[in-house]
Amino acid sequence: MMASNLRQRFKSGENANRFAKPDVILDDENGTLKLTPLGRYQVMNRICKPELGNYQGNPDEQPVRSFEIGLLVKILLLLSTFINSNYCDKISRLYNKEGFIGLFVRQLVSPPTSYVKLVKQGLSLPPQRQSEFLPPRINLRFLANKHLLFYSFLTLLFVRLLGFSLIWFHFSHVSCYSLMS
């Protein structure tokens, strides 16, 4: 009965927007959104697309994406964490500095942000939410992007095929400038 009513309702063009959100309710146990039977019908029949949950933890520790190299993401996270733990005060001072240096550092460094951390208390209790603050920090994760690595390799290969070595290219320009002055 319900399925036929739903089919009739959606065939008539009512709610024809594929990007509309499916029908949901708030779950009392853990405070999350849960699909209703109507919402499940909408998703299964591709009437609506569910809004995929955004990652709500530490933004630097997001799961590996399909366009990234997993091992490289983990290595770069460790390196970023090491740099941030040793130079946190200097990075924050440079980030907050006025003038050209401050503008330059703000382009390179991730801005300060806060996020909600879920702390599990037990099996029967809902998780407790704690707000965490991250200061300005270096995030090297972009270097794990497959596309960036591929195009960087192609550029290096092209430069090498032209007969240049990047180290030689740099030093030859430095020596030419020193000879001119």
C-alpha atoms as a PDB file:
ATOM      1  CA  MET A   1       0.000   0.000   0.000  1.00  0.00           C
ATOM      2  CA  MET A   2       2.662   2.485   1.052  1.00  0.00           C
ATOM      3  CA  ALA A   3       4.990   1.624  -1.861  1.00  0.00           C
ATOM      4  CA  SER A   4       2.234   2.116  -4.423  1.00  0.00           C
ATOM      5  CA  ASN A   5       1.298   5.481  -2.892  1.00  0.00           C
ATOM      6  CA  LEU A   6       4.933   6.536  -2.992  1.00  0.00           C
ATOM      7  CA  ARG A   7       5.354   5.434  -6.613  1.00  0.00           C
ATOM      8  CA  GLN A   8       2.224   7.352  -7.580  1.00  0.00           C
ATOM      9  CA  ARG A   9       3.436  10.438  -5.751  1.00  0.00           C
ATOM     10  CA  PHE A  10       6.875  10.458  -7.392  1.00  0.00           C
ATOM     11  CA  LYS A  11       5.706   9.510 -10.885  1.00  0.00           C
ATOM     12  CA  SER A  12       3.422  12.527 -10.892  1.00  0.00           C
ATOM     13  CA  GLY A  13       6.487  14.792 -10.818  1.00  0.00           C
ATOM     14  CA  GLU A  14       5.961  15.980  -7.294  1.00  0.00           C
ATOM     15  CA  ASN A  15       9.424  16.134  -5.689  1.00  0.00           C
ATOM     16  CA  ALA A  16      11.251  15.549  -8.990  1.00  0.00           C
ATOM     17  CA  ASN A  17      14.447  17.229  -7.769  1.00  0.00           C
ATOM     18  CA  ARG A  18      17.145  14.501  -7.670  1.00  0.00           C
ATOM     19  CA  PHE A  19      19.337  16.650  -5.460  1.00  0.00           C
ATOM     20  CA  ALA A  20      16.688  17.092  -2.780  1.00  0.00           C
ATOM     21  CA  LYS A  21      17.437  15.555   0.578  1.00  0.00           C
ATOM     22  CA  PRO A  22      15.657  12.313   1.522  1.00  0.00           C
ATOM     23  CA  ASP A  23      13.199  12.166   4.392  1.00  0.00           C
ATOM     24  CA  VAL A  24      15.018  11.785   7.750  1.00  0.00           C
ATOM     25  CA  ILE A  25      14.277  11.894  11.474  1.00  0.00           C
ATOM     26  CA  LEU A  26      16.507  12.655  14.444  1.00  0.00           C
ATOM     27  CA  ASP A  27      17.549   9.487  16.292  1.00  0.00           C
ATOM     28  CA  ASP A  28      17.024   9.931  20.054  1.00  0.00           C
ATOM     29  CA  GLU A  29      19.749   7.477  21.114  1.00  0.00           C
ATOM     30  CA  ASN A  30      22.805   9.164  19.647  1.00  0.00           C
ATOM     31  CA  GLY A  31      21.498  12.385  18.112  1.00  0.00           C
ATOM     32  CA  THR A  32      22.160  11.464  14.487  1.00  0.00           C
ATOM     33  CA  LEU A  33      19.855  11.667  11.495  1.00  0.00           C
ATOM     34  CA  LYS A  34      18.205   8.408  10.432  1.00  0.00           C
ATOM     35  CA  LEU A  35      16.355   7.611   7.198  1.00  0.00           C
ATOM     36  CA  THR A  36      12.614   7.042   7.463  1.00  0.00           C
ATOM     37  CA  PRO A  37      10.906   4.346   5.339  1.00  0.00           C
ATOM     38  CA  LEU A  38      10.057   7.101   2.846  1.00  0.00           C
ATOM     39  CA  GLY A  39      13.691   8.250   2.864  1.00  0.00           C
ATOM     40  CA  ARG A  40      14.942   4.700   2.244  1.00  0.00           C
ATOM     41  CA  TYR A  41      12.524   4.373  -0.665  1.00  0.00           C
ATOM     42  CA  GLN A  42      13.747   7.700  -2.104  1.00  0.00           C
ATOM     43  CA  VAL A  43      17.407   6.684  -1.888  1.00  0.00           C
ATOM     44  CA  MET A  44      16.965   3.117  -3.163  1.00  0.00           C
ATOM     45  CA  ASN A  45      14.977   4.294  -6.199  1.00  0.00           C
ATOM     46  CA  ARG A  46      17.350   7.196  -6.873  1.00  0.00           C
ATOM     47  CA  ILE A  47      14.687   9.803  -6.366  1.00  0.00           C
ATOM     48  CA  CYS A  48      16.881  11.719  -3.911  1.00  0.00           C
ATOM     49  CA  LYS A  49      20.555  11.610  -3.069  1.00  0.00           C
ATOM     50  CA  PRO A  50      21.526  11.302   0.580  1.00  0.00           C
ATOM     51  CA  GLU A  51      23.791  13.948   1.990  1.00  0.00           C
ATOM     52  CA  LEU A  52      26.955  12.087   2.780  1.00  0.00           C
ATOM     53  CA  GLY A  53      28.212  12.817   6.248  1.00  0.00           C
ATOM     54  CA  ASN A  54      31.032  15.283   6.342  1.00  0.00           C
ATOM     55  CA  TYR A  55      34.067  14.254   8.337  1.00  0.00           C
ATOM     56  CA  GLN A  56      33.731  15.832  11.768  1.00  0.00           C
ATOM     57  CA  GLY A  57      37.058  15.000  13.400  1.00  0.00           C
ATOM     58  CA  ASN A  58      40.479  16.559  13.072  1.00  0.00           C
ATOM     59  CA  PRO A  59      40.600  17.986   9.517  1.00  0.00           C
ATOM     60  CA  ASP A  60      44.249  16.952   9.128  1.00  0.00           C
ATOM     61  CA  GLU A  61      43.380  13.307   9.874  1.00  0.00           C
ATOM     62  CA  GLN A  62      40.583  12.829   7.341  1.00  0.00           C
ATOM     63  CA  PRO A  63      40.360   9.391   5.722  1.00  0.00           C
ATOM     64  CA  VAL A  64      42.457   8.813   2.607  1.00  0.00           C
ATOM     65  CA  ARG A  65      40.601   9.904  -0.517  1.00  0.00           C
ATOM     66  CA  SER A  66      40.563   8.089  -3.845  1.00  0.00           C
ATOM     67  CA  PHE A  67      42.915  10.623  -5.482  1.00  0.00           C
ATOM     68  CA  GLU A  68      45.596  10.252  -2.780  1.00  0.00           C
ATOM     69  CA  ILE A  69      48.314   7.690  -2.095  1.00  0.00           C
ATOM     70  CA  GLY A  70      47.532   6.160   1.306  1.00  0.00           C
ATOM     71  CA  LEU A  71      51.069   5.430   2.517  1.00  0.00           C
ATOM     72  CA  LEU A  72      52.238   8.874   1.448  1.00  0.00           C
ATOM     73  CA  VAL A  73      49.318  10.501   3.297  1.00  0.00           C
ATOM     74  CA  LYS A  74      50.367   8.748   6.519  1.00  0.00           C
ATOM     75  CA  ILE A  75      54.038   9.661   6.108  1.00  0.00           C
ATOM     76  CA  LEU A  76      53.216  13.300   5.337  1.00  0.00           C
ATOM     77  CA  LEU A  77      50.841  13.450   8.325  1.00  0.00           C
ATOM     78  CA  LEU A  78      53.663  12.234  10.590  1.00  0.00           C
ATOM     79  CA  LEU A  79      56.067  14.782   9.098  1.00  0.00           C
ATOM     80  CA  SER A  80      53.499  17.589   9.427  1.00  0.00           C
ATOM     81  CA  THR A  81      52.793  16.613  13.033  1.00  0.00           C
ATOM     82  CA  PHE A  82      56.522  16.583  13.827  1.00  0.00           C
ATOM     83  CA  ILE A  83      57.034  20.031  12.263  1.00  0.00           C
ATOM     84  CA  ASN A  84      53.932  21.477  13.948  1.00  0.00           C
ATOM     85  CA  SER A  85      54.829  20.125  17.382  1.00  0.00           C
ATOM     86  CA  ASN A  86      58.368  21.537  17.198  1.00  0.00           C
ATOM     87  CA  TYR A  87      57.610  24.884  15.540  1.00  0.00           C
ATOM     88  CA  CYS A  88      54.023  25.654  16.612  1.00  0.00           C
ATOM     89  CA  ASP A  89      54.889  28.958  18.321  1.00  0.00           C
ATOM     90  CA  LYS A  90      57.003  30.236  15.414  1.00  0.00           C
ATOM     91  CA  ILE A  91      54.330  29.286  12.853  1.00  0.00           C
ATOM     92  CA  SER A  92      51.625  31.051  14.897  1.00  0.00           C
ATOM     93  CA  ARG A  93      53.774  34.161  15.317  1.00  0.00           C
ATOM     94  CA  LEU A  94      54.521  34.349  11.577  1.00  0.00           C
ATOM     95  CA  TYR A  95      50.858  33.648  10.709  1.00  0.00           C
ATOM     96  CA  ASN A  96      49.661  36.562  12.858  1.00  0.00           C
ATOM     97  CA  LYS A  97      52.382  38.948  11.685  1.00  0.00           C
ATOM     98  CA  GLU A  98      51.332  42.042   9.730  1.00  0.00           C
ATOM     99  CA  GLY A  99      52.774  42.905   6.345  1.00  0.00           C
ATOM    100  CA  PHE A 100      54.114  40.871   3.453  1.00  0.00           C
ATOM    101  CA  ILE A 101      55.539  38.037   5.563  1.00  0.00           C
ATOM    102  CA  GLY A 102      52.197  37.510   7.302  1.00  0.00           C
ATOM    103  CA  LEU A 103      50.337  37.488   3.973  1.00  0.00           C
ATOM    104  CA  PHE A 104      52.848  35.027   2.522  1.00  0.00           C
ATOM    105  CA  VAL A 105      52.638  32.647   5.502  1.00  0.00           C
ATOM    106  CA  ARG A 106      48.820  32.808   5.527  1.00  0.00           C
ATOM    107  CA  GLN A 107      48.874  31.519   1.923  1.00  0.00           C
ATOM    108  CA  LEU A 108      51.086  28.545   2.830  1.00  0.00           C
ATOM    109  CA  VAL A 109      49.826  27.543   6.272  1.00  0.00           C
ATOM    110  CA  SER A 110      46.446  26.054   7.197  1.00  0.00           C
ATOM    111  CA  PRO A 111      44.380  28.561   9.201  1.00  0.00           C
ATOM    112  CA  PRO A 112      43.446  28.030  12.840  1.00  0.00           C
ATOM    113  CA  THR A 113      40.274  25.992  13.183  1.00  0.00           C
ATOM    114  CA  SER A 114      38.174  24.200  15.729  1.00  0.00           C
ATOM    115  CA  TYR A 115      36.429  20.869  15.411  1.00  0.00           C
ATOM    116  CA  VAL A 116      34.211  18.626  17.486  1.00  0.00           C
ATOM    117  CA  LYS A 117      35.830  15.525  18.939  1.00  0.00           C
ATOM    118  CA  LEU A 118      33.550  12.645  19.945  1.00  0.00           C
ATOM    119  CA  VAL A 119      34.668  10.939  23.145  1.00  0.00           C
ATOM    120  CA  LYS A 120      33.088   7.541  23.752  1.00  0.00           C
ATOM    121  CA  GLN A 121      32.016   6.991  27.358  1.00  0.00           C
ATOM    122  CA  GLY A 122      30.688   3.466  27.321  1.00  0.00           C
ATOM    123  CA  LEU A 123      28.401   1.037  25.578  1.00  0.00           C
ATOM    124  CA  SER A 124      25.089   2.477  26.769  1.00  0.00           C
ATOM    125  CA  LEU A 125      26.008   6.171  26.938  1.00  0.00           C
ATOM    126  CA  PRO A 126      26.037   8.486  23.910  1.00  0.00           C
ATOM    127  CA  PRO A 127      29.428   9.948  22.980  1.00  0.00           C
ATOM    128  CA  GLN A 128      30.366  13.248  24.557  1.00  0.00           C
ATOM    129  CA  ARG A 129      31.280  16.122  22.240  1.00  0.00           C
ATOM    130  CA  GLN A 130      34.385  18.166  23.028  1.00  0.00           C
ATOM    131  CA  SER A 131      35.488  21.204  21.092  1.00  0.00           C
ATOM    132  CA  GLU A 132      39.167  21.096  20.077  1.00  0.00           C
ATOM    133  CA  PHE A 133      41.197  24.024  18.728  1.00  0.00           C
ATOM    134  CA  LEU A 134      43.992  23.724  16.166  1.00  0.00           C
ATOM    135  CA  PRO A 135      46.423  26.652  15.803  1.00  0.00           C
ATOM    136  CA  PRO A 136      47.873  27.687  12.426  1.00  0.00           C
ATOM    137  CA  ARG A 137      49.779  24.667  11.148  1.00  0.00           C
ATOM    138  CA  ILE A 138      51.652  23.179   8.236  1.00  0.00           C
ATOM    139  CA  ASN A 139      49.759  20.517   6.317  1.00  0.00           C
ATOM    140  CA  LEU A 140      51.782  18.614   3.703  1.00  0.00           C
ATOM    141  CA  ARG A 141      48.942  16.302   2.687  1.00  0.00           C
ATOM    142  CA  PHE A 142      48.520  17.976  -0.710  1.00  0.00           C
ATOM    143  CA  LEU A 143      51.837  16.362  -1.730  1.00  0.00           C
ATOM    144  CA  ALA A 144      50.132  12.922  -1.658  1.00  0.00           C
ATOM    145  CA  ASN A 145      47.786  13.873  -4.511  1.00  0.00           C
ATOM    146  CA  LYS A 146      48.241  11.456  -7.437  1.00  0.00           C
ATOM    147  CA  HIS A 147      47.576  14.150 -10.030  1.00  0.00           C
ATOM    148  CA  LEU A 148      50.105  16.550  -8.510  1.00  0.00           C
ATOM    149  CA  LEU A 149      52.748  13.830  -8.420  1.00  0.00           C
ATOM    150  CA  PHE A 150      52.016  12.759 -11.999  1.00  0.00           C
ATOM    151  CA  TYR A 151      52.235  16.284 -13.422  1.00  0.00           C
ATOM    152  CA  SER A 152      55.353  17.036 -11.367  1.00  0.00           C
ATOM    153  CA  PHE A 153      56.987  13.906 -12.770  1.00  0.00           C
ATOM    154  CA  LEU A 154      55.986  14.905 -16.330  1.00  0.00           C
ATOM    155  CA  THR A 155      57.435  18.388 -15.811  1.00  0.00           C
ATOM    156  CA  LEU A 156      60.715  16.992 -14.482  1.00  0.00           C
ATOM    157  CA  LEU A 157      60.880  14.516 -17.367  1.00  0.00           C
ATOM    158  CA  PHE A 158      60.196  17.272 -19.918  1.00  0.00           C
ATOM    159  CA  VAL A 159      62.862  19.548 -18.420  1.00  0.00           C
ATOM    160  CA  ARG A 160      65.329  16.654 -18.377  1.00  0.00           C
ATOM    161  CA  LEU A 161      64.540  15.786 -22.018  1.00  0.00           C
ATOM    162  CA  LEU A 162      65.321  19.384 -22.955  1.00  0.00           C
ATOM    163  CA  GLY A 163      68.802  18.758 -21.583  1.00  0.00           C
ATOM    164  CA  PHE A 164      68.494  20.667 -18.342  1.00  0.00           C
ATOM    165  CA  SER A 165      69.133  19.464 -14.847  1.00  0.00           C
ATOM    166  CA  LEU A 166      67.133  21.459 -12.335  1.00  0.00           C
ATOM    167  CA  ILE A 167      70.160  21.859 -10.040  1.00  0.00           C
ATOM    168  CA  TRP A 168      72.386  22.883 -12.965  1.00  0.00           C
ATOM    169  CA  PHE A 169      69.655  25.244 -14.240  1.00  0.00           C
ATOM    170  CA  HIS A 170      69.471  27.009 -10.852  1.00  0.00           C
ATOM    171  CA  PHE A 171      73.233  27.369 -10.378  1.00  0.00           C
ATOM    172  CA  SER A 172      73.869  28.472 -13.963  1.00  0.00           C
ATOM    173  CA  HIS A 173      71.494  31.408 -13.494  1.00  0.00           C
ATOM    174  CA  VAL A 174      73.093  32.315 -10.178  1.00  0.00           C
ATOM    175  CA  SER A 175      76.578  32.262 -11.733  1.00  0.00           C
ATOM    176  CA  CYS A 176      75.417  34.359 -14.733  1.00  0.00           C
ATOM    177  CA  TYR A 177      73.974  37.000 -12.437  1.00  0.00           C
ATOM    178  CA  SER A 178      77.137  37.111 -10.348  1.00  0.00           C
ATOM    179  CA  LEU A 179      79.240  37.577 -13.516  1.00  0.00           C
ATOM    180  CA  MET A 180      77.063  40.473 -14.691  1.00  0.00           C
ATOM    181  CA  SER A 181      77.468  42.528 -11.525  1.00  0.00           C
END
